[in-house]
Amino acid sequence: MTQKPFYIKLKKTRTSLGLTQKQAAEMLDIKLRTYCAWEQGYRQPVKMVQEFVCKTFQNIKELKDYELR
């Protein structure tokens, strides 16, 4: 089974959380242009930044799940 590229996972995760690209960029404290380039696959963050992005989105998901209880 092949692993999906980071940019595909990034967009899927962001949309599942109900975030705009602008909101995601602000949460990650990066420029919107940088975030868009990541999500479109034009640029890719280094592995450490990818892990930070994943952890941040996971924390957001957990907070949203908690709010729904």
C-alpha atoms as a PDB file:
ATOM      1  CA  MET A   1       0.000   0.000   0.000  1.00  0.00           C
ATOM      2  CA  THR A   2       1.471   3.335  -1.008  1.00  0.00           C
ATOM      3  CA  GLN A   3       1.377   6.297   1.321  1.00  0.00           C
ATOM      4  CA  LYS A   4      -0.445   9.421   0.167  1.00  0.00           C
ATOM      5  CA  PRO A   5       1.700  12.527  -0.332  1.00  0.00           C
ATOM      6  CA  PHE A   6       1.764  15.051   2.512  1.00  0.00           C
ATOM      7  CA  TYR A   7      -0.102  17.716   0.532  1.00  0.00           C
ATOM      8  CA  ILE A   8      -3.084  15.419  -0.046  1.00  0.00           C
ATOM      9  CA  LYS A   9      -3.265  14.542   3.646  1.00  0.00           C
ATOM     10  CA  LEU A  10      -2.868  18.205   4.549  1.00  0.00           C
ATOM     11  CA  LYS A  11      -5.878  19.344   2.529  1.00  0.00           C
ATOM     12  CA  LYS A  12      -8.037  16.413   3.624  1.00  0.00           C
ATOM     13  CA  THR A  13      -7.257  17.051   7.280  1.00  0.00           C
ATOM     14  CA  ARG A  14      -7.838  20.792   7.032  1.00  0.00           C
ATOM     15  CA  THR A  15     -11.195  20.394   5.309  1.00  0.00           C
ATOM     16  CA  SER A  16     -12.305  17.685   7.747  1.00  0.00           C
ATOM     17  CA  LEU A  17     -11.611  20.143  10.575  1.00  0.00           C
ATOM     18  CA  GLY A  18     -13.688  22.805   8.815  1.00  0.00           C
ATOM     19  CA  LEU A  19     -10.781  25.225   8.494  1.00  0.00           C
ATOM     20  CA  THR A  20     -10.015  27.611   5.664  1.00  0.00           C
ATOM     21  CA  GLN A  21      -6.497  27.803   4.297  1.00  0.00           C
ATOM     22  CA  LYS A  22      -6.165  31.198   5.954  1.00  0.00           C
ATOM     23  CA  GLN A  23      -7.227  29.813   9.348  1.00  0.00           C
ATOM     24  CA  ALA A  24      -4.805  26.892   9.042  1.00  0.00           C
ATOM     25  CA  ALA A  25      -1.942  29.227   8.110  1.00  0.00           C
ATOM     26  CA  GLU A  26      -2.707  31.496  11.046  1.00  0.00           C
ATOM     27  CA  MET A  27      -2.822  28.553  13.467  1.00  0.00           C
ATOM     28  CA  LEU A  28       0.549  27.373  12.192  1.00  0.00           C
ATOM     29  CA  ASP A  29       1.928  30.935  12.264  1.00  0.00           C
ATOM     30  CA  ILE A  30       2.986  30.860   8.626  1.00  0.00           C
ATOM     31  CA  LYS A  31       2.143  32.968   5.596  1.00  0.00           C
ATOM     32  CA  LEU A  32      -0.964  31.994   3.649  1.00  0.00           C
ATOM     33  CA  ARG A  33       1.127  31.785   0.491  1.00  0.00           C
ATOM     34  CA  THR A  34       3.423  29.212   2.126  1.00  0.00           C
ATOM     35  CA  TYR A  35       0.495  27.137   3.353  1.00  0.00           C
ATOM     36  CA  CYS A  36      -1.144  27.178  -0.090  1.00  0.00           C
ATOM     37  CA  ALA A  37       2.115  26.060  -1.713  1.00  0.00           C
ATOM     38  CA  TRP A  38       2.295  23.119   0.723  1.00  0.00           C
ATOM     39  CA  GLU A  39      -1.311  22.125   0.113  1.00  0.00           C
ATOM     40  CA  GLN A  40      -0.951  22.329  -3.659  1.00  0.00           C
ATOM     41  CA  GLY A  41       2.217  20.257  -3.601  1.00  0.00           C
ATOM     42  CA  TYR A  42       4.447  23.015  -4.996  1.00  0.00           C
ATOM     43  CA  ARG A  43       6.563  23.017  -1.833  1.00  0.00           C
ATOM     44  CA  GLN A  44       6.942  20.591   1.018  1.00  0.00           C
ATOM     45  CA  PRO A  45       7.950  21.392   4.574  1.00  0.00           C
ATOM     46  CA  VAL A  46      10.834  19.517   6.132  1.00  0.00           C
ATOM     47  CA  LYS A  47       9.954  16.422   8.158  1.00  0.00           C
ATOM     48  CA  MET A  48      10.153  18.212  11.517  1.00  0.00           C
ATOM     49  CA  VAL A  49       7.664  20.847  10.318  1.00  0.00           C
ATOM     50  CA  GLN A  50       5.402  18.132   8.881  1.00  0.00           C
ATOM     51  CA  GLU A  51       5.323  16.495  12.314  1.00  0.00           C
ATOM     52  CA  PHE A  52       4.484  19.842  13.940  1.00  0.00           C
ATOM     53  CA  VAL A  53       1.632  20.389  11.461  1.00  0.00           C
ATOM     54  CA  CYS A  54       0.255  16.901  12.124  1.00  0.00           C
ATOM     55  CA  LYS A  55       0.456  17.389  15.896  1.00  0.00           C
ATOM     56  CA  THR A  56      -1.238  20.797  15.680  1.00  0.00           C
ATOM     57  CA  PHE A  57      -4.101  19.448  13.568  1.00  0.00           C
ATOM     58  CA  GLN A  58      -4.452  16.431  15.876  1.00  0.00           C
ATOM     59  CA  ASN A  59      -4.766  18.767  18.867  1.00  0.00           C
ATOM     60  CA  ILE A  60      -7.442  20.786  17.030  1.00  0.00           C
ATOM     61  CA  LYS A  61      -9.348  17.593  16.234  1.00  0.00           C
ATOM     62  CA  GLU A  62      -9.193  16.471  19.854  1.00  0.00           C
ATOM     63  CA  LEU A  63     -10.449  19.873  21.035  1.00  0.00           C
ATOM     64  CA  LYS A  64     -13.346  19.779  18.564  1.00  0.00           C
ATOM     65  CA  ASP A  65     -14.212  16.225  19.641  1.00  0.00           C
ATOM     66  CA  TYR A  66     -14.150  17.343  23.285  1.00  0.00           C
ATOM     67  CA  GLU A  67     -16.459  20.291  22.549  1.00  0.00           C
ATOM     68  CA  LEU A  68     -19.006  17.927  20.973  1.00  0.00           C
ATOM     69  CA  ARG A  69     -19.375  15.898  24.185  1.00  0.00           C
END
